[in-house]
């Protein structure tokens, strides 16, 4: 049995949304860690919840990575929700995170 495809839309039930957030956040942070170790790159993730809680992951220090970002002349890739809707599913194989190689 394969996994079924889910429709990407806002979850209205609060309890379900909180459980989904916790699981997906942990998965996202784990993937960021794996990518940073396997590819020897620096990664920073910043997540604000609807209730304004801050969750962060940084492969080095957040200050160091944000300083590098500010000092960098331009961004090679930048995504927003609107932009991701226009990207085909096969294009997701590259970068989901802010990363520096």
Foldseek 3Di string as FASTA:
>chain_A
DDDDDDDDDDDPDPVVNVVVCVVVVVVVLVVQLVCCVVVVKWFKDWDQDPVGDIDIDTPPDPVVLVVVVVPDPDDPDDDDPVRVVVDDPVVVVDDPTDIGD
